[in-house]
Amino acid sequence: EAGREWPRVPLEELLTEGPANGYSPRSGENPRGTLSLKLTATTRGVMDLSDRAVKRLNEVIPKDSKFWLRAGDILIQRANSLEYVGMAAIYDGPPHKYIYPDLMIRIRVASPTMARWIWRYCSSASGRRYFTSNATGTAGNMPKINGSTIRKMQIPLPPIDQLEIFLGRVDRALDAIDALQADAVRSQKLLDRLDQATLAKAFRGELVEKHRPSASGKGSRK
């Protein structure tokens, strides 16, 4: 497939369910209340199920509700700042544990492999440009996308039997980038410590060049 452009298909042709907005009842102190994701859960483009990204609702959602998440669901932020609108992540937690908020849209596809491919494309530079250029909103309001925007998104599609191969290449490339970023962070921290140590020495006067005696052991004279 090298050197050939893959055909593009509207995302709606790959969906088995959705797009569907979530539900946002009030949060509260009810210890039996249902757990719901916050918008924070998908802001980084990967699913975050830590305490900071989850809240407990006052309401107990019925087990037959359409809002429960299941593994493989793709969640897309439908409203946020332009930097984050359209951010996508795949839910990988247990069933019937979390619902998702109204500021997210959920889509479902037939296979985990296809879900990963769509998620990766949504997170790519091309996917991000599509969402930001199609977001709407008035001055002072958050940019928004809707289900129609998601359905019309054109997804490049390699041969299905090669999808795992290309996903593997994408994953390895992103892992390499993550490793480089981690190295850069460690290097910056080291530089910051060196800068602080240098400043400390400067303020103690330890960076002043000390007078060196002449070869005879006496200082030079004018």
N, C-alpha and C. Protein backbone atom coordinates (compact mmCIF):
# COMPACT_ATOMS: atom_id res chain seq x y z
N GLU A 1 0.80 -1.21 0.00
CA GLU A 1 0.00 0.00 0.00
C GLU A 1 0.84 1.27 0.00
N ALA A 2 2.18 1.12 0.07
CA ALA A 2 3.04 2.30 0.10
C ALA A 2 2.85 3.10 -1.18
N GLY A 3 2.75 4.42 -1.04
CA GLY A 3 2.62 5.29 -2.19
C GLY A 3 1.19 5.41 -2.70
N ARG A 4 0.24 4.66 -2.13
CA ARG A 4 -1.15 4.74 -2.55
C ARG A 4 -1.99 5.38 -1.46
N GLU A 5 -2.97 6.17 -1.89
CA GLU A 5 -3.85 6.80 -0.91
C GLU A 5 -5.03 5.89 -0.64
N TRP A 6 -5.32 5.68 0.62
CA TRP A 6 -6.43 4.81 0.98
C TRP A 6 -7.76 5.50 0.69
N PRO A 7 -8.77 4.74 0.33
CA PRO A 7 -10.10 5.34 0.13
C PRO A 7 -10.63 5.87 1.46
N ARG A 8 -11.47 6.86 1.37
CA ARG A 8 -12.08 7.44 2.57
C ARG A 8 -13.57 7.13 2.59
N VAL A 9 -14.06 6.81 3.77
CA VAL A 9 -15.48 6.51 3.91
C VAL A 9 -16.05 7.39 5.03
N PRO A 10 -17.31 7.78 4.92
CA PRO A 10 -17.92 8.53 6.03
C PRO A 10 -17.96 7.66 7.27
N LEU A 11 -17.69 8.25 8.40
CA LEU A 11 -17.67 7.49 9.65
C LEU A 11 -19.00 6.79 9.89
N GLU A 12 -20.10 7.39 9.46
CA GLU A 12 -21.41 6.78 9.70
C GLU A 12 -21.52 5.38 9.09
N GLU A 13 -20.74 5.09 8.04
CA GLU A 13 -20.79 3.77 7.42
C GLU A 13 -20.11 2.70 8.28
N LEU A 14 -19.33 3.12 9.28
CA LEU A 14 -18.61 2.19 10.13
C LEU A 14 -19.27 1.99 11.48
N LEU A 15 -20.30 2.78 11.75
CA LEU A 15 -20.93 2.76 13.07
C LEU A 15 -21.96 1.64 13.18
N THR A 16 -22.03 1.06 14.37
CA THR A 16 -23.11 0.13 14.69
C THR A 16 -24.12 0.80 15.63
N GLU A 17 -23.69 1.90 16.27
CA GLU A 17 -24.58 2.63 17.18
C GLU A 17 -24.07 4.04 17.38
N GLY A 18 -24.99 4.99 17.49
CA GLY A 18 -24.62 6.38 17.73
C GLY A 18 -24.53 7.17 16.43
N PRO A 19 -24.12 8.42 16.56
CA PRO A 19 -23.66 9.14 17.76
C PRO A 19 -24.80 9.41 18.75
N ALA A 20 -24.46 9.39 20.04
CA ALA A 20 -25.45 9.59 21.09
C ALA A 20 -24.86 10.45 22.21
N ASN A 21 -25.55 11.54 22.52
CA ASN A 21 -25.11 12.40 23.62
C ASN A 21 -25.29 11.70 24.96
N GLY A 22 -24.50 12.11 25.96
CA GLY A 22 -24.60 11.54 27.29
C GLY A 22 -25.64 12.22 28.15
N TYR A 23 -25.53 12.03 29.44
CA TYR A 23 -26.53 12.49 30.41
C TYR A 23 -25.80 13.11 31.59
N SER A 24 -26.27 14.27 32.04
CA SER A 24 -25.57 15.00 33.11
C SER A 24 -26.53 15.43 34.22
N PRO A 25 -26.99 14.50 35.06
CA PRO A 25 -27.76 14.90 36.25
C PRO A 25 -26.81 15.48 37.30
N ARG A 26 -27.38 15.97 38.38
CA ARG A 26 -26.57 16.60 39.42
C ARG A 26 -25.71 15.58 40.15
N SER A 27 -24.51 16.02 40.50
CA SER A 27 -23.66 15.19 41.36
C SER A 27 -24.06 15.44 42.80
N GLY A 28 -23.62 14.56 43.70
CA GLY A 28 -24.00 14.74 45.10
C GLY A 28 -23.31 13.76 46.02
N GLU A 29 -23.86 13.61 47.21
CA GLU A 29 -23.24 12.80 48.26
C GLU A 29 -23.92 11.46 48.45
N ASN A 30 -24.84 11.10 47.59
CA ASN A 30 -25.52 9.82 47.71
C ASN A 30 -24.49 8.70 47.54
N PRO A 31 -24.22 7.91 48.57
CA PRO A 31 -23.18 6.88 48.48
C PRO A 31 -23.53 5.77 47.48
N ARG A 32 -24.82 5.65 47.14
CA ARG A 32 -25.23 4.65 46.16
C ARG A 32 -25.41 5.26 44.77
N GLY A 33 -25.14 6.54 44.65
CA GLY A 33 -25.33 7.22 43.38
C GLY A 33 -24.40 6.66 42.30
N THR A 34 -24.85 6.73 41.07
CA THR A 34 -24.08 6.21 39.93
C THR A 34 -22.83 7.04 39.69
N LEU A 35 -21.78 6.39 39.25
CA LEU A 35 -20.55 7.08 38.89
C LEU A 35 -20.64 7.57 37.45
N SER A 36 -20.18 8.79 37.23
CA SER A 36 -20.19 9.38 35.89
C SER A 36 -18.81 9.96 35.58
N LEU A 37 -18.42 9.86 34.33
CA LEU A 37 -17.17 10.48 33.91
C LEU A 37 -17.31 11.99 33.88
N LYS A 38 -16.23 12.68 34.20
CA LYS A 38 -16.14 14.11 33.97
C LYS A 38 -15.53 14.34 32.58
N LEU A 39 -15.60 15.56 32.11
CA LEU A 39 -15.00 15.87 30.82
C LEU A 39 -13.50 15.60 30.84
N THR A 40 -12.91 15.75 32.03
CA THR A 40 -11.47 15.51 32.21
C THR A 40 -11.06 14.10 31.79
N ALA A 41 -12.00 13.16 31.83
CA ALA A 41 -11.67 11.76 31.57
C ALA A 41 -11.13 11.54 30.16
N THR A 42 -11.47 12.42 29.22
CA THR A 42 -11.02 12.22 27.84
C THR A 42 -10.19 13.38 27.29
N THR A 43 -9.90 14.37 28.11
CA THR A 43 -9.23 15.57 27.62
C THR A 43 -7.84 15.30 27.07
N ARG A 44 -7.13 14.29 27.60
CA ARG A 44 -5.78 14.00 27.13
C ARG A 44 -5.77 13.08 25.91
N GLY A 45 -6.94 12.65 25.45
CA GLY A 45 -6.98 11.77 24.29
C GLY A 45 -6.83 10.31 24.64
N VAL A 46 -6.71 10.00 25.92
CA VAL A 46 -6.72 8.61 26.42
C VAL A 46 -7.66 8.58 27.62
N MET A 47 -8.24 7.42 27.87
CA MET A 47 -9.23 7.32 28.94
C MET A 47 -8.58 7.43 30.31
N ASP A 48 -9.13 8.31 31.14
CA ASP A 48 -8.66 8.50 32.52
C ASP A 48 -9.81 8.13 33.44
N LEU A 49 -9.64 7.07 34.22
CA LEU A 49 -10.67 6.64 35.16
C LEU A 49 -10.24 6.86 36.61
N SER A 50 -9.29 7.75 36.81
CA SER A 50 -8.84 8.06 38.16
C SER A 50 -9.91 8.88 38.89
N ASP A 51 -9.74 9.05 40.19
CA ASP A 51 -10.72 9.77 41.00
C ASP A 51 -10.95 11.19 40.50
N ARG A 52 -9.91 11.81 39.96
CA ARG A 52 -10.06 13.21 39.52
C ARG A 52 -10.94 13.34 38.28
N ALA A 53 -11.16 12.22 37.57
CA ALA A 53 -11.91 12.26 36.32
C ALA A 53 -13.30 11.64 36.45
N VAL A 54 -13.69 11.30 37.68
CA VAL A 54 -14.97 10.62 37.92
C VAL A 54 -15.71 11.34 39.05
N LYS A 55 -17.02 11.40 38.95
CA LYS A 55 -17.82 11.97 40.03
C LYS A 55 -19.00 11.06 40.33
N ARG A 56 -19.53 11.19 41.54
CA ARG A 56 -20.70 10.39 41.93
C ARG A 56 -21.96 11.26 41.85
N LEU A 57 -23.00 10.70 41.27
CA LEU A 57 -24.24 11.42 41.08
C LEU A 57 -25.19 11.21 42.26
N ASN A 58 -26.14 12.10 42.42
CA ASN A 58 -27.22 11.88 43.38
C ASN A 58 -28.14 10.77 42.88
N GLU A 59 -28.26 10.70 41.57
CA GLU A 59 -29.22 9.79 40.95
C GLU A 59 -28.63 8.38 40.78
N VAL A 60 -29.49 7.38 40.90
CA VAL A 60 -29.11 6.01 40.62
C VAL A 60 -29.67 5.65 39.25
N ILE A 61 -28.79 5.40 38.29
CA ILE A 61 -29.21 5.15 36.92
C ILE A 61 -29.65 3.69 36.78
N PRO A 62 -30.80 3.42 36.18
CA PRO A 62 -31.27 2.04 36.01
C PRO A 62 -30.30 1.20 35.17
N LYS A 63 -30.27 -0.08 35.46
CA LYS A 63 -29.34 -0.98 34.76
C LYS A 63 -29.65 -1.10 33.27
N ASP A 64 -30.89 -0.79 32.88
CA ASP A 64 -31.23 -0.88 31.46
C ASP A 64 -31.07 0.45 30.72
N SER A 65 -30.42 1.41 31.37
CA SER A 65 -30.23 2.72 30.74
C SER A 65 -29.28 2.63 29.54
N LYS A 66 -29.52 3.47 28.57
CA LYS A 66 -28.67 3.52 27.37
C LYS A 66 -27.36 4.25 27.62
N PHE A 67 -27.21 4.85 28.79
CA PHE A 67 -26.03 5.68 29.05
C PHE A 67 -24.84 4.91 29.64
N TRP A 68 -25.05 3.64 30.01
CA TRP A 68 -23.93 2.87 30.56
C TRP A 68 -22.87 2.63 29.49
N LEU A 69 -21.62 2.74 29.92
CA LEU A 69 -20.50 2.51 29.01
C LEU A 69 -20.09 1.04 29.02
N ARG A 70 -19.58 0.59 27.89
CA ARG A 70 -19.01 -0.75 27.81
C ARG A 70 -17.70 -0.68 27.05
N ALA A 71 -16.85 -1.65 27.27
CA ALA A 71 -15.51 -1.63 26.67
C ALA A 71 -15.60 -1.49 25.15
N GLY A 72 -14.75 -0.62 24.61
CA GLY A 72 -14.72 -0.39 23.18
C GLY A 72 -15.50 0.83 22.74
N ASP A 73 -16.30 1.42 23.64
CA ASP A 73 -17.01 2.65 23.30
C ASP A 73 -16.02 3.78 23.02
N ILE A 74 -16.29 4.54 21.98
CA ILE A 74 -15.48 5.72 21.67
C ILE A 74 -16.24 6.94 22.16
N LEU A 75 -15.60 7.75 22.99
CA LEU A 75 -16.20 8.98 23.50
C LEU A 75 -15.50 10.18 22.87
N ILE A 76 -16.30 11.11 22.36
CA ILE A 76 -15.78 12.30 21.69
C ILE A 76 -16.35 13.53 22.39
N GLN A 77 -15.50 14.47 22.76
CA GLN A 77 -15.97 15.68 23.42
C GLN A 77 -16.71 16.55 22.41
N ARG A 78 -17.98 16.84 22.70
CA ARG A 78 -18.78 17.62 21.76
C ARG A 78 -18.73 19.12 22.06
N ALA A 79 -18.26 19.48 23.24
CA ALA A 79 -18.16 20.90 23.60
C ALA A 79 -16.99 21.10 24.55
N ASN A 80 -16.15 22.05 24.22
CA ASN A 80 -15.01 22.41 25.05
C ASN A 80 -14.33 23.60 24.39
N SER A 81 -13.20 24.02 24.92
CA SER A 81 -12.43 25.04 24.23
C SER A 81 -11.98 24.48 22.88
N LEU A 82 -11.62 25.36 21.94
CA LEU A 82 -11.27 24.90 20.59
C LEU A 82 -10.10 23.93 20.63
N GLU A 83 -9.24 24.05 21.62
CA GLU A 83 -8.09 23.17 21.75
C GLU A 83 -8.51 21.72 22.01
N TYR A 84 -9.66 21.55 22.67
CA TYR A 84 -10.05 20.21 23.12
C TYR A 84 -11.33 19.68 22.47
N VAL A 85 -12.11 20.51 21.82
CA VAL A 85 -13.35 20.01 21.22
C VAL A 85 -13.01 18.92 20.21
N GLY A 86 -13.74 17.80 20.29
CA GLY A 86 -13.47 16.67 19.40
C GLY A 86 -12.45 15.68 19.94
N MET A 87 -11.87 15.95 21.11
CA MET A 87 -10.92 14.98 21.67
C MET A 87 -11.64 13.65 21.91
N ALA A 88 -10.95 12.57 21.56
CA ALA A 88 -11.57 11.24 21.62
C ALA A 88 -10.75 10.29 22.47
N ALA A 89 -11.44 9.33 23.07
CA ALA A 89 -10.77 8.27 23.84
C ALA A 89 -11.65 7.03 23.82
N ILE A 90 -11.03 5.88 24.05
CA ILE A 90 -11.77 4.62 24.08
C ILE A 90 -11.96 4.18 25.53
N TYR A 91 -13.20 3.89 25.88
CA TYR A 91 -13.49 3.38 27.22
C TYR A 91 -13.01 1.93 27.33
N ASP A 92 -12.25 1.65 28.38
CA ASP A 92 -11.70 0.30 28.55
C ASP A 92 -12.00 -0.26 29.94
N GLY A 93 -13.02 0.26 30.59
CA GLY A 93 -13.37 -0.19 31.93
C GLY A 93 -14.47 -1.25 31.90
N PRO A 94 -14.96 -1.64 33.07
CA PRO A 94 -15.99 -2.68 33.16
C PRO A 94 -17.36 -2.15 32.75
N PRO A 95 -18.29 -3.03 32.39
CA PRO A 95 -19.65 -2.60 32.04
C PRO A 95 -20.44 -2.20 33.28
N HIS A 96 -21.45 -1.36 33.07
CA HIS A 96 -22.38 -0.95 34.13
C HIS A 96 -21.68 -0.37 35.36
N LYS A 97 -20.61 0.38 35.10
CA LYS A 97 -19.96 1.07 36.22
C LYS A 97 -20.00 2.59 36.05
N TYR A 98 -19.90 3.07 34.83
CA TYR A 98 -19.90 4.51 34.58
C TYR A 98 -20.90 4.86 33.48
N ILE A 99 -21.49 6.07 33.61
CA ILE A 99 -22.17 6.67 32.48
C ILE A 99 -21.31 7.82 32.00
N TYR A 100 -21.70 8.46 30.92
CA TYR A 100 -20.90 9.55 30.37
C TYR A 100 -21.75 10.82 30.29
N PRO A 101 -21.13 12.00 30.37
CA PRO A 101 -21.88 13.25 30.48
C PRO A 101 -22.38 13.77 29.14
N ASP A 102 -23.26 14.73 29.21
CA ASP A 102 -23.86 15.33 28.02
C ASP A 102 -22.85 16.05 27.14
N LEU A 103 -21.71 16.43 27.69
CA LEU A 103 -20.69 17.12 26.90
C LEU A 103 -19.87 16.15 26.05
N MET A 104 -20.20 14.86 26.13
CA MET A 104 -19.55 13.85 25.29
C MET A 104 -20.57 13.19 24.37
N ILE A 105 -20.07 12.70 23.25
CA ILE A 105 -20.86 11.90 22.32
C ILE A 105 -20.22 10.51 22.25
N ARG A 106 -21.05 9.48 22.29
CA ARG A 106 -20.56 8.11 22.20
C ARG A 106 -20.88 7.51 20.83
N ILE A 107 -19.90 6.78 20.30
CA ILE A 107 -20.14 5.98 19.10
C ILE A 107 -19.65 4.56 19.36
N ARG A 108 -20.25 3.61 18.65
CA ARG A 108 -19.84 2.21 18.75
C ARG A 108 -19.62 1.65 17.34
N VAL A 109 -18.61 0.79 17.24
CA VAL A 109 -18.32 0.12 15.97
C VAL A 109 -18.23 -1.38 16.22
N ALA A 110 -18.08 -2.14 15.13
CA ALA A 110 -18.22 -3.59 15.23
C ALA A 110 -17.05 -4.28 15.92
N SER A 111 -15.85 -3.74 15.81
CA SER A 111 -14.69 -4.46 16.34
C SER A 111 -13.76 -3.55 17.12
N PRO A 112 -13.02 -4.10 18.09
CA PRO A 112 -12.03 -3.31 18.83
C PRO A 112 -10.96 -2.73 17.91
N THR A 113 -10.58 -3.47 16.87
CA THR A 113 -9.56 -2.99 15.95
C THR A 113 -10.04 -1.74 15.22
N MET A 114 -11.28 -1.78 14.72
CA MET A 114 -11.83 -0.61 14.04
C MET A 114 -11.98 0.56 15.00
N ALA A 115 -12.36 0.27 16.25
CA ALA A 115 -12.48 1.34 17.25
C ALA A 115 -11.14 2.04 17.46
N ARG A 116 -10.07 1.27 17.55
CA ARG A 116 -8.74 1.86 17.74
C ARG A 116 -8.33 2.68 16.53
N TRP A 117 -8.67 2.21 15.32
CA TRP A 117 -8.30 2.94 14.11
C TRP A 117 -9.02 4.29 14.06
N ILE A 118 -10.31 4.28 14.36
CA ILE A 118 -11.08 5.53 14.36
C ILE A 118 -10.56 6.48 15.43
N TRP A 119 -10.29 5.93 16.62
CA TRP A 119 -9.74 6.77 17.70
C TRP A 119 -8.42 7.40 17.29
N ARG A 120 -7.52 6.59 16.69
CA ARG A 120 -6.23 7.13 16.27
C ARG A 120 -6.41 8.22 15.22
N TYR A 121 -7.34 8.03 14.29
CA TYR A 121 -7.54 9.05 13.27
C TYR A 121 -8.13 10.32 13.89
N CYS A 122 -9.09 10.18 14.79
CA CYS A 122 -9.65 11.36 15.46
C CYS A 122 -8.57 12.16 16.18
N SER A 123 -7.56 11.45 16.69
CA SER A 123 -6.48 12.11 17.45
C SER A 123 -5.36 12.63 16.57
N SER A 124 -5.39 12.30 15.28
CA SER A 124 -4.33 12.74 14.37
C SER A 124 -4.49 14.22 14.04
N ALA A 125 -3.47 14.79 13.43
CA ALA A 125 -3.52 16.21 13.05
C ALA A 125 -4.68 16.46 12.10
N SER A 126 -4.90 15.54 11.16
CA SER A 126 -6.00 15.70 10.21
C SER A 126 -7.35 15.63 10.90
N GLY A 127 -7.50 14.68 11.82
CA GLY A 127 -8.74 14.56 12.56
C GLY A 127 -9.01 15.77 13.44
N ARG A 128 -7.97 16.26 14.11
CA ARG A 128 -8.13 17.44 14.95
C ARG A 128 -8.52 18.67 14.11
N ARG A 129 -7.93 18.82 12.93
CA ARG A 129 -8.29 19.95 12.06
C ARG A 129 -9.76 19.86 11.63
N TYR A 130 -10.21 18.65 11.36
CA TYR A 130 -11.60 18.48 10.95
C TYR A 130 -12.55 18.96 12.05
N PHE A 131 -12.30 18.54 13.28
CA PHE A 131 -13.20 18.92 14.36
C PHE A 131 -13.14 20.42 14.65
N THR A 132 -11.94 20.98 14.72
CA THR A 132 -11.84 22.41 15.05
C THR A 132 -12.41 23.29 13.93
N SER A 133 -12.24 22.88 12.69
CA SER A 133 -12.75 23.70 11.58
C SER A 133 -14.27 23.57 11.42
N ASN A 134 -14.86 22.50 11.98
CA ASN A 134 -16.30 22.31 11.88
C ASN A 134 -17.04 22.63 13.18
N ALA A 135 -16.32 23.09 14.18
CA ALA A 135 -16.95 23.46 15.44
C ALA A 135 -17.72 24.76 15.25
N THR A 136 -18.84 24.87 15.93
CA THR A 136 -19.65 26.08 15.85
C THR A 136 -19.82 26.66 17.25
N GLY A 137 -20.18 27.92 17.30
CA GLY A 137 -20.39 28.56 18.59
C GLY A 137 -20.40 30.06 18.43
N THR A 138 -21.10 30.73 19.31
CA THR A 138 -21.15 32.18 19.30
C THR A 138 -20.11 32.73 20.28
N ALA A 139 -19.85 34.01 20.17
CA ALA A 139 -18.86 34.64 21.04
C ALA A 139 -19.23 34.43 22.50
N GLY A 140 -18.26 33.97 23.27
CA GLY A 140 -18.48 33.75 24.69
C GLY A 140 -18.96 32.36 25.02
N ASN A 141 -19.28 31.53 24.01
CA ASN A 141 -19.72 30.17 24.25
C ASN A 141 -18.66 29.16 23.82
N MET A 142 -18.73 27.96 24.39
CA MET A 142 -17.78 26.92 24.01
C MET A 142 -18.05 26.48 22.57
N PRO A 143 -16.98 26.26 21.78
CA PRO A 143 -17.17 25.64 20.47
C PRO A 143 -17.79 24.26 20.62
N LYS A 144 -18.64 23.88 19.66
CA LYS A 144 -19.36 22.62 19.75
C LYS A 144 -19.34 21.89 18.41
N ILE A 145 -19.40 20.57 18.48
CA ILE A 145 -19.66 19.74 17.31
C ILE A 145 -20.91 18.91 17.63
N ASN A 146 -21.51 18.34 16.61
CA ASN A 146 -22.70 17.53 16.84
C ASN A 146 -22.59 16.18 16.15
N GLY A 147 -23.64 15.39 16.28
CA GLY A 147 -23.63 14.06 15.70
C GLY A 147 -23.47 14.07 14.20
N SER A 148 -24.06 15.06 13.55
CA SER A 148 -23.94 15.15 12.09
C SER A 148 -22.48 15.36 11.67
N THR A 149 -21.76 16.20 12.40
CA THR A 149 -20.34 16.43 12.11
C THR A 149 -19.55 15.13 12.23
N ILE A 150 -19.85 14.36 13.26
CA ILE A 150 -19.14 13.09 13.46
C ILE A 150 -19.49 12.09 12.37
N ARG A 151 -20.75 11.98 12.02
CA ARG A 151 -21.15 11.03 10.98
C ARG A 151 -20.50 11.33 9.64
N LYS A 152 -20.31 12.60 9.34
CA LYS A 152 -19.77 13.00 8.03
C LYS A 152 -18.24 12.94 7.96
N MET A 153 -17.59 12.72 9.07
CA MET A 153 -16.13 12.68 9.07
C MET A 153 -15.62 11.58 8.14
N GLN A 154 -14.70 11.93 7.26
CA GLN A 154 -14.16 10.99 6.29
C GLN A 154 -12.95 10.25 6.88
N ILE A 155 -13.07 8.94 7.00
CA ILE A 155 -12.03 8.13 7.62
C ILE A 155 -11.23 7.40 6.55
N PRO A 156 -9.90 7.59 6.48
CA PRO A 156 -9.08 6.81 5.54
C PRO A 156 -9.07 5.35 5.99
N LEU A 157 -9.30 4.45 5.06
CA LEU A 157 -9.48 3.05 5.44
C LEU A 157 -8.58 2.13 4.63
N PRO A 158 -7.51 1.61 5.27
CA PRO A 158 -6.67 0.61 4.60
C PRO A 158 -7.43 -0.70 4.48
N PRO A 159 -6.92 -1.67 3.73
CA PRO A 159 -7.58 -2.98 3.67
C PRO A 159 -7.79 -3.54 5.07
N ILE A 160 -8.98 -4.04 5.32
CA ILE A 160 -9.36 -4.49 6.66
C ILE A 160 -8.38 -5.54 7.19
N ASP A 161 -7.90 -6.43 6.30
CA ASP A 161 -7.00 -7.49 6.77
C ASP A 161 -5.61 -6.97 7.13
N GLN A 162 -5.35 -5.69 6.83
CA GLN A 162 -4.06 -5.10 7.17
C GLN A 162 -4.17 -4.04 8.27
N LEU A 163 -5.37 -3.89 8.80
CA LEU A 163 -5.61 -2.83 9.78
C LEU A 163 -4.72 -2.98 11.01
N GLU A 164 -4.59 -4.20 11.51
CA GLU A 164 -3.76 -4.45 12.70
C GLU A 164 -2.30 -4.10 12.42
N ILE A 165 -1.84 -4.37 11.21
CA ILE A 165 -0.45 -4.07 10.85
C ILE A 165 -0.20 -2.58 10.93
N PHE A 166 -1.09 -1.80 10.34
CA PHE A 166 -0.90 -0.35 10.35
C PHE A 166 -1.10 0.23 11.74
N LEU A 167 -2.01 -0.34 12.50
CA LEU A 167 -2.17 0.12 13.88
C LEU A 167 -0.90 -0.14 14.69
N GLY A 168 -0.28 -1.28 14.46
CA GLY A 168 0.98 -1.59 15.14
C GLY A 168 2.05 -0.56 14.81
N ARG A 169 2.12 -0.16 13.55
CA ARG A 169 3.10 0.84 13.16
C ARG A 169 2.82 2.18 13.84
N VAL A 170 1.55 2.55 13.88
CA VAL A 170 1.18 3.80 14.55
C VAL A 170 1.53 3.73 16.03
N ASP A 171 1.19 2.61 16.68
CA ASP A 171 1.47 2.46 18.11
C ASP A 171 2.97 2.55 18.40
N ARG A 172 3.78 1.90 17.55
CA ARG A 172 5.24 1.93 17.78
C ARG A 172 5.79 3.34 17.58
N ALA A 173 5.28 4.04 16.57
CA ALA A 173 5.76 5.41 16.34
C ALA A 173 5.39 6.31 17.51
N LEU A 174 4.17 6.17 18.02
CA LEU A 174 3.75 7.00 19.15
C LEU A 174 4.49 6.63 20.43
N ASP A 175 4.80 5.34 20.60
CA ASP A 175 5.60 4.93 21.76
C ASP A 175 6.99 5.57 21.71
N ALA A 176 7.56 5.64 20.50
CA ALA A 176 8.88 6.27 20.34
C ALA A 176 8.81 7.76 20.68
N ILE A 177 7.72 8.41 20.24
CA ILE A 177 7.54 9.83 20.55
C ILE A 177 7.39 10.03 22.05
N ASP A 178 6.60 9.16 22.70
CA ASP A 178 6.42 9.27 24.15
C ASP A 178 7.77 9.11 24.88
N ALA A 179 8.60 8.18 24.39
CA ALA A 179 9.91 7.97 25.01
C ALA A 179 10.78 9.22 24.86
N LEU A 180 10.73 9.83 23.67
CA LEU A 180 11.51 11.05 23.46
C LEU A 180 11.02 12.19 24.35
N GLN A 181 9.68 12.28 24.49
CA GLN A 181 9.13 13.32 25.36
C GLN A 181 9.55 13.09 26.81
N ALA A 182 9.54 11.83 27.24
CA ALA A 182 9.96 11.52 28.60
C ALA A 182 11.42 11.88 28.81
N ASP A 183 12.27 11.59 27.81
CA ASP A 183 13.68 11.96 27.89
C ASP A 183 13.85 13.47 27.98
N ALA A 184 13.03 14.18 27.19
CA ALA A 184 13.11 15.64 27.20
C ALA A 184 12.72 16.20 28.56
N VAL A 185 11.69 15.61 29.17
CA VAL A 185 11.25 16.06 30.49
C VAL A 185 12.35 15.81 31.53
N ARG A 186 12.96 14.60 31.46
CA ARG A 186 14.04 14.31 32.41
C ARG A 186 15.22 15.25 32.20
N SER A 187 15.54 15.53 30.94
CA SER A 187 16.66 16.44 30.65
C SER A 187 16.37 17.83 31.15
N GLN A 188 15.12 18.29 30.97
CA GLN A 188 14.76 19.62 31.43
C GLN A 188 14.85 19.72 32.94
N LYS A 189 14.41 18.66 33.64
CA LYS A 189 14.51 18.66 35.10
C LYS A 189 15.96 18.73 35.54
N LEU A 190 16.84 18.00 34.83
CA LEU A 190 18.26 18.03 35.16
C LEU A 190 18.82 19.42 34.93
N LEU A 191 18.44 20.04 33.80
CA LEU A 191 18.92 21.40 33.51
C LEU A 191 18.42 22.38 34.56
N ASP A 192 17.15 22.21 34.97
CA ASP A 192 16.61 23.09 36.00
C ASP A 192 17.41 22.97 37.30
N ARG A 193 17.77 21.72 37.68
CA ARG A 193 18.55 21.52 38.91
C ARG A 193 19.94 22.13 38.77
N LEU A 194 20.55 21.98 37.58
CA LEU A 194 21.86 22.57 37.34
C LEU A 194 21.80 24.08 37.40
N ASP A 195 20.73 24.65 36.81
CA ASP A 195 20.55 26.11 36.86
C ASP A 195 20.45 26.59 38.30
N GLN A 196 19.65 25.86 39.10
CA GLN A 196 19.47 26.25 40.50
C GLN A 196 20.78 26.14 41.27
N ALA A 197 21.53 25.07 41.00
CA ALA A 197 22.81 24.90 41.68
C ALA A 197 23.78 25.99 41.29
N THR A 198 23.78 26.36 40.01
CA THR A 198 24.68 27.42 39.53
C THR A 198 24.33 28.76 40.16
N LEU A 199 23.02 29.06 40.23
CA LEU A 199 22.61 30.31 40.86
C LEU A 199 22.99 30.34 42.33
N ALA A 200 22.81 29.20 43.00
CA ALA A 200 23.16 29.14 44.43
C ALA A 200 24.64 29.43 44.62
N LYS A 201 25.49 28.85 43.76
CA LYS A 201 26.92 29.10 43.84
C LYS A 201 27.23 30.56 43.57
N ALA A 202 26.53 31.12 42.59
CA ALA A 202 26.78 32.53 42.24
C ALA A 202 26.47 33.43 43.43
N PHE A 203 25.35 33.16 44.10
CA PHE A 203 24.97 34.01 45.23
C PHE A 203 25.88 33.80 46.44
N ARG A 204 26.56 32.65 46.49
CA ARG A 204 27.53 32.43 47.57
C ARG A 204 28.92 32.94 47.19
N GLY A 205 29.03 33.46 45.98
CA GLY A 205 30.31 33.97 45.52
C GLY A 205 31.27 32.89 45.09
N GLU A 206 30.79 31.70 44.84
CA GLU A 206 31.67 30.58 44.51
C GLU A 206 32.01 30.52 43.03
N LEU A 207 31.35 31.38 42.22
CA LEU A 207 31.65 31.37 40.79
C LEU A 207 32.69 32.43 40.41
N VAL A 208 33.13 33.23 41.43
CA VAL A 208 34.15 34.23 41.17
C VAL A 208 35.48 33.53 40.95
N GLU A 209 36.15 33.89 39.86
CA GLU A 209 37.42 33.24 39.56
C GLU A 209 38.45 33.62 40.62
N LYS A 210 39.03 32.63 41.25
CA LYS A 210 40.00 32.89 42.31
C LYS A 210 41.34 33.27 41.71
N HIS A 211 42.05 34.16 42.43
CA HIS A 211 43.37 34.59 42.00
C HIS A 211 44.36 33.43 42.08
N ARG A 212 45.03 33.21 41.02
CA ARG A 212 46.01 32.12 40.99
C ARG A 212 47.42 32.69 41.17
N PRO A 213 48.21 32.13 42.09
CA PRO A 213 49.59 32.64 42.30
C PRO A 213 50.44 32.34 41.07
N SER A 214 51.52 33.14 40.94
CA SER A 214 52.46 32.91 39.82
C SER A 214 53.28 31.67 40.11
N ALA A 215 54.08 31.28 39.15
CA ALA A 215 54.87 30.06 39.28
C ALA A 215 55.83 30.16 40.47
N SER A 216 56.26 31.37 40.84
CA SER A 216 57.19 31.53 41.96
C SER A 216 56.48 31.49 43.30
N GLY A 217 55.14 31.40 43.23
CA GLY A 217 54.39 31.33 44.48
C GLY A 217 53.96 32.69 44.96
N LYS A 218 54.36 33.78 44.21
CA LYS A 218 53.98 35.14 44.59
C LYS A 218 53.04 35.69 43.55
N GLY A 219 52.17 36.53 44.00
CA GLY A 219 51.26 37.16 43.07
C GLY A 219 52.02 38.08 42.15
N SER A 220 51.52 38.31 41.00
CA SER A 220 52.20 39.20 40.02
C SER A 220 52.09 40.62 40.49
N ARG A 221 53.07 41.41 40.11
CA ARG A 221 53.09 42.84 40.47
C ARG A 221 53.14 43.67 39.20
N LYS A 222 52.52 44.84 39.27
CA LYS A 222 52.58 45.78 38.16
C LYS A 222 53.77 46.67 38.32
